[in-house]
């Protein structure tokens, strides 16, 4: 099942009481909102393209088929900075959500900045 968003889409690959795993596809030139979560941490692994990761005050952490850990409560975002030279300009990464209390709800998103005016 695909959940479409203004920046692309995601698919849930695994969802149980301990972990949720998503495949996230970010369109050329798009980025996710700057956000944090009260109930979960996340691990992002880029599998296609190049992503710029922001975590709290650290920006420009570039990932190309690499992994980044986002601690619970940290402000974070992913931006597609895949080169125009690449044939497929989408960014694909796997997000593994970890929660001690089993809360993986989409309402656990606190948005600080959003290119698409979502609250």
PDB file of N, CA and C in Angstrom:
ATOM      1  N   UNK A   1       0.841  -1.187   0.000  1.00  0.00           N
ATOM      2  CA  UNK A   1       0.000   0.000   0.000  1.00  0.00           C
ATOM      3  C   UNK A   1       0.883   1.246   0.000  1.00  0.00           C
ATOM      4  N   UNK A   2       0.695   2.128  -0.963  1.00  0.00           N
ATOM      5  CA  UNK A   2       1.444   3.373  -1.046  1.00  0.00           C
ATOM      6  C   UNK A   2       0.649   4.508  -0.410  1.00  0.00           C
ATOM      7  N   UNK A   3       1.338   5.305   0.363  1.00  0.00           N
ATOM      8  CA  UNK A   3       0.768   6.528   0.935  1.00  0.00           C
ATOM      9  C   UNK A   3       1.436   7.691   0.219  1.00  0.00           C
ATOM     10  N   UNK A   4       0.683   8.395  -0.616  1.00  0.00           N
ATOM     11  CA  UNK A   4       1.243   9.499  -1.385  1.00  0.00           C
ATOM     12  C   UNK A   4       1.325  10.756  -0.541  1.00  0.00           C
ATOM     13  N   UNK A   5       2.420  11.487  -0.726  1.00  0.00           N
ATOM     14  CA  UNK A   5       2.673  12.747  -0.050  1.00  0.00           C
ATOM     15  C   UNK A   5       3.110  13.767  -1.100  1.00  0.00           C
ATOM     16  N   UNK A   6       3.128  15.061  -0.779  1.00  0.00           N
ATOM     17  CA  UNK A   6       3.537  16.069  -1.775  1.00  0.00           C
ATOM     18  C   UNK A   6       4.972  15.879  -2.276  1.00  0.00           C
ATOM     19  N   UNK A   7       5.822  15.253  -1.482  1.00  0.00           N
ATOM     20  CA  UNK A   7       7.235  15.046  -1.823  1.00  0.00           C
ATOM     21  C   UNK A   7       7.502  13.707  -2.498  1.00  0.00           C
ATOM     22  N   UNK A   8       6.529  12.814  -2.536  1.00  0.00           N
ATOM     23  CA  UNK A   8       6.708  11.479  -3.104  1.00  0.00           C
ATOM     24  C   UNK A   8       5.726  10.504  -2.479  1.00  0.00           C
ATOM     25  N   UNK A   9       6.237   9.386  -1.963  1.00  0.00           N
ATOM     26  CA  UNK A   9       5.364   8.416  -1.302  1.00  0.00           C
ATOM     27  C   UNK A   9       6.176   7.507  -0.393  1.00  0.00           C
ATOM     28  N   UNK A  10       5.451   6.755   0.456  1.00  0.00           N
ATOM     29  CA  UNK A  10       6.095   5.714   1.247  1.00  0.00           C
ATOM     30  C   UNK A  10       5.236   4.464   1.230  1.00  0.00           C
ATOM     31  N   UNK A  11       5.898   3.334   1.466  1.00  0.00           N
ATOM     32  CA  UNK A  11       5.230   2.043   1.594  1.00  0.00           C
ATOM     33  C   UNK A  11       5.660   1.423   2.918  1.00  0.00           C
ATOM     34  N   UNK A  12       4.721   0.866   3.660  1.00  0.00           N
ATOM     35  CA  UNK A  12       5.048   0.169   4.901  1.00  0.00           C
ATOM     36  C   UNK A  12       5.432  -1.263   4.548  1.00  0.00           C
ATOM     37  N   UNK A  13       6.658  -1.636   4.913  1.00  0.00           N
ATOM     38  CA  UNK A  13       7.168  -2.977   4.624  1.00  0.00           C
ATOM     39  C   UNK A  13       6.964  -3.929   5.791  1.00  0.00           C
ATOM     40  N   UNK A  14       6.982  -3.398   7.014  1.00  0.00           N
ATOM     41  CA  UNK A  14       6.823  -4.214   8.222  1.00  0.00           C
ATOM     42  C   UNK A  14       6.248  -3.335   9.306  1.00  0.00           C
ATOM     43  N   UNK A  15       5.277  -3.849  10.052  1.00  0.00           N
ATOM     44  CA  UNK A  15       4.655  -3.080  11.128  1.00  0.00           C
ATOM     45  C   UNK A  15       4.266  -4.049  12.238  1.00  0.00           C
ATOM     46  N   UNK A  16       4.993  -3.979  13.354  1.00  0.00           N
ATOM     47  CA  UNK A  16       4.623  -4.794  14.514  1.00  0.00           C
ATOM     48  C   UNK A  16       4.809  -3.974  15.779  1.00  0.00           C
ATOM     49  N   UNK A  17       4.718  -4.577  16.941  1.00  0.00           N
ATOM     50  CA  UNK A  17       4.761  -3.831  18.194  1.00  0.00           C
ATOM     51  C   UNK A  17       6.126  -3.239  18.512  1.00  0.00           C
ATOM     52  N   UNK A  18       7.185  -3.757  17.912  1.00  0.00           N
ATOM     53  CA  UNK A  18       8.531  -3.300  18.239  1.00  0.00           C
ATOM     54  C   UNK A  18       9.153  -2.381  17.200  1.00  0.00           C
ATOM     55  N   UNK A  19       8.717  -2.496  15.942  1.00  0.00           N
ATOM     56  CA  UNK A  19       9.386  -1.774  14.866  1.00  0.00           C
ATOM     57  C   UNK A  19       8.419  -1.539  13.711  1.00  0.00           C
ATOM     58  N   UNK A  20       8.641  -0.443  12.991  1.00  0.00           N
ATOM     59  CA  UNK A  20       7.941  -0.190  11.735  1.00  0.00           C
ATOM     60  C   UNK A  20       9.012   0.126  10.696  1.00  0.00           C
ATOM     61  N   UNK A  21       8.888  -0.484   9.512  1.00  0.00           N
ATOM     62  CA  UNK A  21       9.863  -0.287   8.441  1.00  0.00           C
ATOM     63  C   UNK A  21       9.132   0.263   7.223  1.00  0.00           C
ATOM     64  N   UNK A  22       9.671   1.371   6.665  1.00  0.00           N
ATOM     65  CA  UNK A  22       9.075   2.005   5.494  1.00  0.00           C
ATOM     66  C   UNK A  22      10.106   2.144   4.381  1.00  0.00           C
ATOM     67  N   UNK A  23       9.644   2.006   3.160  1.00  0.00           N
ATOM     68  CA  UNK A  23      10.409   2.403   1.979  1.00  0.00           C
ATOM     69  C   UNK A  23       9.889   3.788   1.619  1.00  0.00           C
ATOM     70  N   UNK A  24      10.789   4.776   1.580  1.00  0.00           N
ATOM     71  CA  UNK A  24      10.399   6.154   1.318  1.00  0.00           C
ATOM     72  C   UNK A  24      11.036   6.612   0.005  1.00  0.00           C
ATOM     73  N   UNK A  25      10.213   7.146  -0.889  1.00  0.00           N
ATOM     74  CA  UNK A  25      10.665   7.624  -2.192  1.00  0.00           C
ATOM     75  C   UNK A  25      10.427   9.130  -2.252  1.00  0.00           C
ATOM     76  N   UNK A  26      11.519   9.895  -2.450  1.00  0.00           N
ATOM     77  CA  UNK A  26      11.453  11.351  -2.486  1.00  0.00           C
ATOM     78  C   UNK A  26      11.743  11.817  -3.915  1.00  0.00           C
ATOM     79  N   UNK A  27      10.824  12.563  -4.482  1.00  0.00           N
ATOM     80  CA  UNK A  27      10.965  13.051  -5.853  1.00  0.00           C
ATOM     81  C   UNK A  27      12.107  14.055  -5.990  1.00  0.00           C
ATOM     82  N   UNK A  28      12.566  14.232  -7.213  1.00  0.00           N
ATOM     83  CA  UNK A  28      13.646  15.169  -7.536  1.00  0.00           C
ATOM     84  C   UNK A  28      13.355  16.548  -6.947  1.00  0.00           C
ATOM     85  N   UNK A  29      14.330  17.117  -6.245  1.00  0.00           N
ATOM     86  CA  UNK A  29      14.226  18.462  -5.714  1.00  0.00           C
ATOM     87  C   UNK A  29      13.312  18.621  -4.512  1.00  0.00           C
ATOM     88  N   UNK A  30      12.777  17.539  -3.984  1.00  0.00           N
ATOM     89  CA  UNK A  30      11.839  17.611  -2.860  1.00  0.00           C
ATOM     90  C   UNK A  30      12.519  17.248  -1.543  1.00  0.00           C
ATOM     91  N   UNK A  31      11.850  17.585  -0.454  1.00  0.00           N
ATOM     92  CA  UNK A  31      12.354  17.232   0.869  1.00  0.00           C
ATOM     93  C   UNK A  31      11.194  17.022   1.823  1.00  0.00           C
ATOM     94  N   UNK A  32      11.459  16.268   2.867  1.00  0.00           N
ATOM     95  CA  UNK A  32      10.486  16.048   3.921  1.00  0.00           C
ATOM     96  C   UNK A  32      10.466  17.269   4.829  1.00  0.00           C
ATOM     97  N   UNK A  33       9.440  17.391   5.648  1.00  0.00           N
ATOM     98  CA  UNK A  33       9.372  18.503   6.590  1.00  0.00           C
ATOM     99  C   UNK A  33      10.448  18.343   7.664  1.00  0.00           C
ATOM    100  N   UNK A  34      10.847  19.468   8.263  1.00  0.00           N
ATOM    101  CA  UNK A  34      11.717  19.430   9.432  1.00  0.00           C
ATOM    102  C   UNK A  34      10.814  19.046  10.588  1.00  0.00           C
ATOM    103  N   UNK A  35      11.098  17.929  11.241  1.00  0.00           N
ATOM    104  CA  UNK A  35      10.168  17.360  12.212  1.00  0.00           C
ATOM    105  C   UNK A  35      10.904  16.660  13.337  1.00  0.00           C
ATOM    106  N   UNK A  36      10.152  16.321  14.362  1.00  0.00           N
ATOM    107  CA  UNK A  36      10.674  15.484  15.446  1.00  0.00           C
ATOM    108  C   UNK A  36       9.553  14.555  15.903  1.00  0.00           C
ATOM    109  N   UNK A  37       9.911  13.588  16.744  1.00  0.00           N
ATOM    110  CA  UNK A  37       8.949  12.615  17.268  1.00  0.00           C
ATOM    111  C   UNK A  37       9.202  12.425  18.762  1.00  0.00           C
ATOM    112  N   UNK A  38       8.132  12.369  19.536  1.00  0.00           N
ATOM    113  CA  UNK A  38       8.252  12.140  20.976  1.00  0.00           C
ATOM    114  C   UNK A  38       8.435  10.665  21.322  1.00  0.00           C
ATOM    115  N   UNK A  39       7.919   9.777  20.462  1.00  0.00           N
ATOM    116  CA  UNK A  39       7.835   8.365  20.832  1.00  0.00           C
ATOM    117  C   UNK A  39       8.756   7.435  20.055  1.00  0.00           C
ATOM    118  N   UNK A  40       9.565   7.951  19.135  1.00  0.00           N
ATOM    119  CA  UNK A  40      10.378   7.032  18.349  1.00  0.00           C
ATOM    120  C   UNK A  40      11.696   7.665  17.899  1.00  0.00           C
ATOM    121  N   UNK A  41      12.651   6.789  17.669  1.00  0.00           N
ATOM    122  CA  UNK A  41      13.881   7.151  16.965  1.00  0.00           C
ATOM    123  C   UNK A  41      13.802   6.476  15.603  1.00  0.00           C
ATOM    124  N   UNK A  42      14.696   6.866  14.693  1.00  0.00           N
ATOM    125  CA  UNK A  42      14.657   6.318  13.350  1.00  0.00           C
ATOM    126  C   UNK A  42      16.076   6.065  12.848  1.00  0.00           C
ATOM    127  N   UNK A  43      16.188   5.085  11.984  1.00  0.00           N
ATOM    128  CA  UNK A  43      17.417   4.843  11.247  1.00  0.00           C
ATOM    129  C   UNK A  43      17.079   4.930   9.772  1.00  0.00           C
ATOM    130  N   UNK A  44      17.834   5.755   9.038  1.00  0.00           N
ATOM    131  CA  UNK A  44      17.613   5.925   7.610  1.00  0.00           C
ATOM    132  C   UNK A  44      18.774   5.322   6.851  1.00  0.00           C
ATOM    133  N   UNK A  45      18.477   4.504   5.854  1.00  0.00           N
ATOM    134  CA  UNK A  45      19.498   3.922   4.989  1.00  0.00           C
ATOM    135  C   UNK A  45      19.147   4.237   3.538  1.00  0.00           C
ATOM    136  N   UNK A  46      20.000   5.019   2.888  1.00  0.00           N
ATOM    137  CA  UNK A  46      19.787   5.377   1.492  1.00  0.00           C
ATOM    138  C   UNK A  46      20.152   4.177   0.629  1.00  0.00           C
ATOM    139  N   UNK A  47      19.238   3.804  -0.283  1.00  0.00           N
ATOM    140  CA  UNK A  47      19.491   2.683  -1.186  1.00  0.00           C
ATOM    141  C   UNK A  47      19.581   3.127  -2.641  1.00  0.00           C
ATOM    142  N   UNK A  48      19.124   4.351  -2.944  1.00  0.00           N
ATOM    143  CA  UNK A  48      19.247   4.889  -4.306  1.00  0.00           C
ATOM    144  C   UNK A  48      19.267   6.403  -4.232  1.00  0.00           C
ATOM    145  N   UNK A  49      20.165   7.018  -4.982  1.00  0.00           N
ATOM    146  CA  UNK A  49      20.258   8.471  -5.027  1.00  0.00           C
ATOM    147  C   UNK A  49      21.136   9.020  -3.919  1.00  0.00           C
ATOM    148  N   UNK A  50      21.027  10.323  -3.707  1.00  0.00           N
ATOM    149  CA  UNK A  50      21.819  11.011  -2.694  1.00  0.00           C
ATOM    150  C   UNK A  50      20.884  11.856  -1.844  1.00  0.00           C
ATOM    151  N   UNK A  51      21.021  11.744  -0.521  1.00  0.00           N
ATOM    152  CA  UNK A  51      20.182  12.499   0.391  1.00  0.00           C
ATOM    153  C   UNK A  51      20.989  13.401   1.291  1.00  0.00           C
ATOM    154  N   UNK A  52      20.476  14.606   1.533  1.00  0.00           N
ATOM    155  CA  UNK A  52      21.070  15.515   2.508  1.00  0.00           C
ATOM    156  C   UNK A  52      20.244  15.410   3.776  1.00  0.00           C
ATOM    157  N   UNK A  53      20.885  15.037   4.868  1.00  0.00           N
ATOM    158  CA  UNK A  53      20.204  14.831   6.140  1.00  0.00           C
ATOM    159  C   UNK A  53      20.483  16.010   7.056  1.00  0.00           C
ATOM    160  N   UNK A  54      19.433  16.504   7.688  1.00  0.00           N
ATOM    161  CA  UNK A  54      19.559  17.501   8.742  1.00  0.00           C
ATOM    162  C   UNK A  54      19.155  16.822  10.044  1.00  0.00           C
ATOM    163  N   UNK A  55      20.022  16.901  11.053  1.00  0.00           N
ATOM    164  CA  UNK A  55      19.704  16.402  12.389  1.00  0.00           C
ATOM    165  C   UNK A  55      20.067  17.501  13.379  1.00  0.00           C
ATOM    166  N   UNK A  56      19.052  18.040  14.057  1.00  0.00           N
ATOM    167  CA  UNK A  56      19.206  19.168  14.970  1.00  0.00           C
ATOM    168  C   UNK A  56      19.977  20.294  14.273  1.00  0.00           C
ATOM    169  N   UNK A  57      21.118  20.695  14.773  1.00  0.00           N
ATOM    170  CA  UNK A  57      21.874  21.806  14.195  1.00  0.00           C
ATOM    171  C   UNK A  57      22.905  21.361  13.167  1.00  0.00           C
ATOM    172  N   UNK A  58      22.951  20.062  12.872  1.00  0.00           N
ATOM    173  CA  UNK A  58      23.912  19.526  11.911  1.00  0.00           C
ATOM    174  C   UNK A  58      23.222  19.377  10.560  1.00  0.00           C
ATOM    175  N   UNK A  59      23.744  20.070   9.565  1.00  0.00           N
ATOM    176  CA  UNK A  59      23.159  20.033   8.230  1.00  0.00           C
ATOM    177  C   UNK A  59      24.202  19.499   7.251  1.00  0.00           C
ATOM    178  N   UNK A  60      23.752  19.143   6.074  1.00  0.00           N
ATOM    179  CA  UNK A  60      24.633  18.695   4.996  1.00  0.00           C
ATOM    180  C   UNK A  60      25.322  17.370   5.264  1.00  0.00           C
ATOM    181  N   UNK A  61      24.711  16.501   6.048  1.00  0.00           N
ATOM    182  CA  UNK A  61      25.215  15.144   6.164  1.00  0.00           C
ATOM    183  C   UNK A  61      24.720  14.428   4.915  1.00  0.00           C
ATOM    184  N   UNK A  62      25.588  14.218   3.938  1.00  0.00           N
ATOM    185  CA  UNK A  62      25.180  13.614   2.676  1.00  0.00           C
ATOM    186  C   UNK A  62      25.308  12.103   2.735  1.00  0.00           C
ATOM    187  N   UNK A  63      24.267  11.436   2.317  1.00  0.00           N
ATOM    188  CA  UNK A  63      24.251   9.979   2.330  1.00  0.00           C
ATOM    189  C   UNK A  63      24.103   9.454   0.914  1.00  0.00           C
ATOM    190  N   UNK A  64      24.927   8.513   0.559  1.00  0.00           N
ATOM    191  CA  UNK A  64      24.794   7.790  -0.707  1.00  0.00           C
ATOM    192  C   UNK A  64      25.029   6.326  -0.364  1.00  0.00           C
ATOM    193  N   UNK A  65      23.951   5.582  -0.298  1.00  0.00           N
ATOM    194  CA  UNK A  65      24.011   4.171   0.100  1.00  0.00           C
ATOM    195  C   UNK A  65      24.732   4.039   1.440  1.00  0.00           C
ATOM    196  N   UNK A  66      24.240   4.808   2.412  1.00  0.00           N
ATOM    197  CA  UNK A  66      24.811   4.826   3.751  1.00  0.00           C
ATOM    198  C   UNK A  66      23.678   4.993   4.750  1.00  0.00           C
ATOM    199  N   UNK A  67      24.012   4.988   6.038  1.00  0.00           N
ATOM    200  CA  UNK A  67      23.014   4.992   7.094  1.00  0.00           C
ATOM    201  C   UNK A  67      23.202   6.165   8.049  1.00  0.00           C
ATOM    202  N   UNK A  68      22.081   6.693   8.550  1.00  0.00           N
ATOM    203  CA  UNK A  68      22.105   7.765   9.530  1.00  0.00           C
ATOM    204  C   UNK A  68      21.105   7.437  10.637  1.00  0.00           C
ATOM    205  N   UNK A  69      21.491   7.707  11.893  1.00  0.00           N
ATOM    206  CA  UNK A  69      20.623   7.459  13.047  1.00  0.00           C
ATOM    207  C   UNK A  69      20.048   8.784  13.530  1.00  0.00           C
ATOM    208  N   UNK A  70      18.732   8.834  13.750  1.00  0.00           N
ATOM    209  CA  UNK A  70      18.051  10.024  14.234  1.00  0.00           C
ATOM    210  C   UNK A  70      17.501   9.723  15.620  1.00  0.00           C
ATOM    211  N   UNK A  71      18.105  10.297  16.678  1.00  0.00           N
ATOM    212  CA  UNK A  71      17.636  10.031  18.041  1.00  0.00           C
ATOM    213  C   UNK A  71      16.221  10.560  18.275  1.00  0.00           C
ATOM    214  N   UNK A  72      15.511   9.916  19.175  1.00  0.00           N
ATOM    215  CA  UNK A  72      14.175  10.340  19.561  1.00  0.00           C
ATOM    216  C   UNK A  72      14.222  11.797  20.013  1.00  0.00           C
ATOM    217  N   UNK A  73      13.285  12.626  19.531  1.00  0.00           N
ATOM    218  CA  UNK A  73      13.208  14.028  19.913  1.00  0.00           C
ATOM    219  C   UNK A  73      14.052  14.969  19.072  1.00  0.00           C
ATOM    220  N   UNK A  74      14.930  14.455  18.212  1.00  0.00           N
ATOM    221  CA  UNK A  74      15.781  15.310  17.381  1.00  0.00           C
ATOM    222  C   UNK A  74      15.001  15.863  16.192  1.00  0.00           C
ATOM    223  N   UNK A  75      15.247  17.131  15.868  1.00  0.00           N
ATOM    224  CA  UNK A  75      14.671  17.706  14.656  1.00  0.00           C
ATOM    225  C   UNK A  75      15.446  17.132  13.472  1.00  0.00           C
ATOM    226  N   UNK A  76      14.720  16.691  12.443  1.00  0.00           N
ATOM    227  CA  UNK A  76      15.385  16.056  11.314  1.00  0.00           C
ATOM    228  C   UNK A  76      14.588  16.199  10.029  1.00  0.00           C
ATOM    229  N   UNK A  77      15.296  16.039   8.906  1.00  0.00           N
ATOM    230  CA  UNK A  77      14.665  16.040   7.590  1.00  0.00           C
ATOM    231  C   UNK A  77      15.612  15.391   6.599  1.00  0.00           C
ATOM    232  N   UNK A  78      15.046  14.924   5.477  1.00  0.00           N
ATOM    233  CA  UNK A  78      15.824  14.369   4.369  1.00  0.00           C
ATOM    234  C   UNK A  78      15.460  15.173   3.124  1.00  0.00           C
ATOM    235  N   UNK A  79      16.491  15.535   2.344  1.00  0.00           N
ATOM    236  CA  UNK A  79      16.316  16.283   1.103  1.00  0.00           C
ATOM    237  C   UNK A  79      16.931  15.489  -0.039  1.00  0.00           C
ATOM    238  N   UNK A  80      16.223  15.392  -1.155  1.00  0.00           N
ATOM    239  CA  UNK A  80      16.752  14.718  -2.339  1.00  0.00           C
ATOM    240  C   UNK A  80      17.707  15.673  -3.052  1.00  0.00           C
ATOM    241  N   UNK A  81      18.998  15.333  -3.065  1.00  0.00           N
ATOM    242  CA  UNK A  81      20.002  16.129  -3.780  1.00  0.00           C
ATOM    243  C   UNK A  81      20.671  15.279  -4.860  1.00  0.00           C
ATOM    244  N   UNK A  82      19.935  14.291  -5.365  1.00  0.00           N
ATOM    245  CA  UNK A  82      20.447  13.414  -6.411  1.00  0.00           C
ATOM    246  C   UNK A  82      20.819  14.234  -7.635  1.00  0.00           C
ATOM    247  N   UNK A  83      21.943  13.934  -8.227  1.00  0.00           N
ATOM    248  CA  UNK A  83      22.481  14.655  -9.375  1.00  0.00           C
ATOM    249  C   UNK A  83      21.592  14.511 -10.600  1.00  0.00           C
ATOM    250  N   UNK A  84      21.519  15.579 -11.392  1.00  0.00           N
ATOM    251  CA  UNK A  84      20.794  15.531 -12.664  1.00  0.00           C
ATOM    252  C   UNK A  84      21.436  14.569 -13.642  1.00  0.00           C
ATOM    253  N   UNK A  85      22.680  14.173 -13.371  1.00  0.00           N
ATOM    254  CA  UNK A  85      23.395  13.247 -14.256  1.00  0.00           C
ATOM    255  C   UNK A  85      22.889  11.817 -14.101  1.00  0.00           C
ATOM    256  N   UNK A  86      22.236  11.530 -12.975  1.00  0.00           N
ATOM    257  CA  UNK A  86      21.752  10.168 -12.739  1.00  0.00           C
ATOM    258  C   UNK A  86      20.451   9.948 -13.498  1.00  0.00           C
ATOM    259  N   UNK A  87      20.290   8.760 -14.042  1.00  0.00           N
ATOM    260  CA  UNK A  87      19.129   8.436 -14.873  1.00  0.00           C
ATOM    261  C   UNK A  87      17.829   8.568 -14.087  1.00  0.00           C
ATOM    262  N   UNK A  88      17.753   7.921 -12.932  1.00  0.00           N
ATOM    263  CA  UNK A  88      16.566   8.010 -12.075  1.00  0.00           C
ATOM    264  C   UNK A  88      16.899   8.976 -10.947  1.00  0.00           C
ATOM    265  N   UNK A  89      16.216  10.100 -10.909  1.00  0.00           N
ATOM    266  CA  UNK A  89      16.562  11.151  -9.969  1.00  0.00           C
ATOM    267  C   UNK A  89      15.765  11.097  -8.670  1.00  0.00           C
ATOM    268  N   UNK A  90      15.089   9.977  -8.421  1.00  0.00           N
ATOM    269  CA  UNK A  90      14.402   9.838  -7.139  1.00  0.00           C
ATOM    270  C   UNK A  90      15.394   9.371  -6.078  1.00  0.00           C
ATOM    271  N   UNK A  91      15.118   9.739  -4.854  1.00  0.00           N
ATOM    272  CA  UNK A  91      15.868   9.279  -3.693  1.00  0.00           C
ATOM    273  C   UNK A  91      15.026   8.209  -3.025  1.00  0.00           C
ATOM    274  N   UNK A  92      15.617   7.069  -2.749  1.00  0.00           N
ATOM    275  CA  UNK A  92      14.908   6.006  -2.035  1.00  0.00           C
ATOM    276  C   UNK A  92      15.706   5.677  -0.794  1.00  0.00           C
ATOM    277  N   UNK A  93      15.019   5.675   0.350  1.00  0.00           N
ATOM    278  CA  UNK A  93      15.671   5.239   1.582  1.00  0.00           C
ATOM    279  C   UNK A  93      14.721   4.393   2.413  1.00  0.00           C
ATOM    280  N   UNK A  94      15.318   3.571   3.238  1.00  0.00           N
ATOM    281  CA  UNK A  94      14.561   2.707   4.149  1.00  0.00           C
ATOM    282  C   UNK A  94      14.598   3.355   5.524  1.00  0.00           C
ATOM    283  N   UNK A  95      13.430   3.512   6.103  1.00  0.00           N
ATOM    284  CA  UNK A  95      13.308   4.090   7.441  1.00  0.00           C
ATOM    285  C   UNK A  95      12.887   2.994   8.400  1.00  0.00           C
ATOM    286  N   UNK A  96      13.681   2.772   9.443  1.00  0.00           N
ATOM    287  CA  UNK A  96      13.338   1.833  10.496  1.00  0.00           C
ATOM    288  C   UNK A  96      13.014   2.641  11.738  1.00  0.00           C
ATOM    289  N   UNK A  97      11.773   2.555  12.182  1.00  0.00           N
ATOM    290  CA  UNK A  97      11.332   3.281  13.372  1.00  0.00           C
ATOM    291  C   UNK A  97      11.425   2.356  14.578  1.00  0.00           C
ATOM    292  N   UNK A  98      11.990   2.887  15.677  1.00  0.00           N
ATOM    293  CA  UNK A  98      12.143   2.142  16.926  1.00  0.00           C
ATOM    294  C   UNK A  98      11.380   2.889  18.022  1.00  0.00           C
ATOM    295  N   UNK A  99      10.596   2.162  18.822  1.00  0.00           N
ATOM    296  CA  UNK A  99       9.842   2.806  19.889  1.00  0.00           C
ATOM    297  C   UNK A  99       9.810   1.911  21.118  1.00  0.00           C
ATOM    298  N   UNK A 100      10.103   2.486  22.269  1.00  0.00           N
ATOM    299  CA  UNK A 100      10.035   1.723  23.519  1.00  0.00           C
ATOM    300  C   UNK A 100       8.602   1.501  23.972  1.00  0.00           C
ATOM    301  N   UNK A 101       7.691   2.386  23.572  1.00  0.00           N
ATOM    302  CA  UNK A 101       6.296   2.252  24.006  1.00  0.00           C
ATOM    303  C   UNK A 101       5.364   1.760  22.893  1.00  0.00           C
ATOM    304  N   UNK A 102       5.926   1.392  21.737  1.00  0.00           N
ATOM    305  CA  UNK A 102       5.125   0.824  20.657  1.00  0.00           C
ATOM    306  C   UNK A 102       4.267   1.820  19.907  1.00  0.00           C
ATOM    307  N   UNK A 103       4.531   3.127  20.071  1.00  0.00           N
ATOM    308  CA  UNK A 103       3.744   4.143  19.374  1.00  0.00           C
ATOM    309  C   UNK A 103       4.460   4.531  18.083  1.00  0.00           C
ATOM    310  N   UNK A 104       3.812   4.215  16.948  1.00  0.00           N
ATOM    311  CA  UNK A 104       4.357   4.523  15.627  1.00  0.00           C
ATOM    312  C   UNK A 104       3.377   5.351  14.810  1.00  0.00           C
ATOM    313  N   UNK A 105       2.455   6.005  15.449  1.00  0.00           N
ATOM    314  CA  UNK A 105       1.382   6.723  14.786  1.00  0.00           C
ATOM    315  C   UNK A 105       1.910   7.945  14.037  1.00  0.00           C
ATOM    316  N   UNK A 106       1.317   8.235  12.874  1.00  0.00           N
ATOM    317  CA  UNK A 106       1.699   9.412  12.092  1.00  0.00           C
ATOM    318  C   UNK A 106       1.409  10.715  12.848  1.00  0.00           C
ATOM    319  N   UNK A 107       0.539  10.669  13.868  1.00  0.00           N
ATOM    320  CA  UNK A 107       0.264  11.875  14.657  1.00  0.00           C
ATOM    321  C   UNK A 107       1.434  12.219  15.587  1.00  0.00           C
ATOM    322  N   UNK A 108       2.446  11.354  15.659  1.00  0.00           N
ATOM    323  CA  UNK A 108       3.644  11.631  16.460  1.00  0.00           C
ATOM    324  C   UNK A 108       4.671  12.417  15.636  1.00  0.00           C
ATOM    325  N   UNK A 109       4.178  13.311  14.793  1.00  0.00           N
ATOM    326  CA  UNK A 109       5.055  14.176  14.003  1.00  0.00           C
ATOM    327  C   UNK A 109       4.829  15.610  14.448  1.00  0.00           C
ATOM    328  N   UNK A 110       5.884  16.245  14.924  1.00  0.00           N
ATOM    329  CA  UNK A 110       5.863  17.670  15.246  1.00  0.00           C
ATOM    330  C   UNK A 110       6.612  18.361  14.114  1.00  0.00           C
ATOM    331  N   UNK A 111       5.907  19.188  13.335  1.00  0.00           N
ATOM    332  CA  UNK A 111       6.526  19.858  12.186  1.00  0.00           C
ATOM    333  C   UNK A 111       6.977  21.265  12.576  1.00  0.00           C
ATOM    334  N   UNK A 112       8.213  21.601  12.208  1.00  0.00           N
ATOM    335  CA  UNK A 112       8.781  22.921  12.457  1.00  0.00           C
ATOM    336  C   UNK A 112       8.836  23.752  11.185  1.00  0.00           C
ATOM    337  N   UNK A 113       9.150  23.107  10.058  1.00  0.00           N
ATOM    338  CA  UNK A 113       9.156  23.751   8.735  1.00  0.00           C
ATOM    339  C   UNK A 113       8.582  22.746   7.743  1.00  0.00           C
ATOM    340  N   UNK A 114       7.765  23.252   6.815  1.00  0.00           N
ATOM    341  CA  UNK A 114       7.186  22.358   5.820  1.00  0.00           C
ATOM    342  C   UNK A 114       6.957  23.121   4.522  1.00  0.00           C
ATOM    343  N   UNK A 115       7.528  22.624   3.431  1.00  0.00           N
ATOM    344  CA  UNK A 115       7.392  23.264   2.124  1.00  0.00           C
ATOM    345  C   UNK A 115       5.974  23.188   1.582  1.00  0.00           C
ATOM    346  N   UNK A 116       5.124  22.367   2.187  1.00  0.00           N
ATOM    347  CA  UNK A 116       3.792  22.100   1.646  1.00  0.00           C
ATOM    348  C   UNK A 116       2.694  22.606   2.580  1.00  0.00           C
ATOM    349  N   UNK A 117       3.060  23.435   3.557  1.00  0.00           N
ATOM    350  CA  UNK A 117       2.121  24.109   4.480  1.00  0.00           C
ATOM    351  C   UNK A 117       1.225  23.148   5.253  1.00  0.00           C
ATOM    352  N   UNK A 118       1.768  21.969   5.589  1.00  0.00           N
ATOM    353  CA  UNK A 118       1.015  21.052   6.456  1.00  0.00           C
ATOM    354  C   UNK A 118       1.302  21.419   7.902  1.00  0.00           C
ATOM    355  N   UNK A 119       0.371  21.143   8.796  1.00  0.00           N
ATOM    356  CA  UNK A 119       0.560  21.411  10.224  1.00  0.00           C
ATOM    357  C   UNK A 119       0.860  20.158  10.981  1.00  0.00           C
TER     358      UNK A 119
END
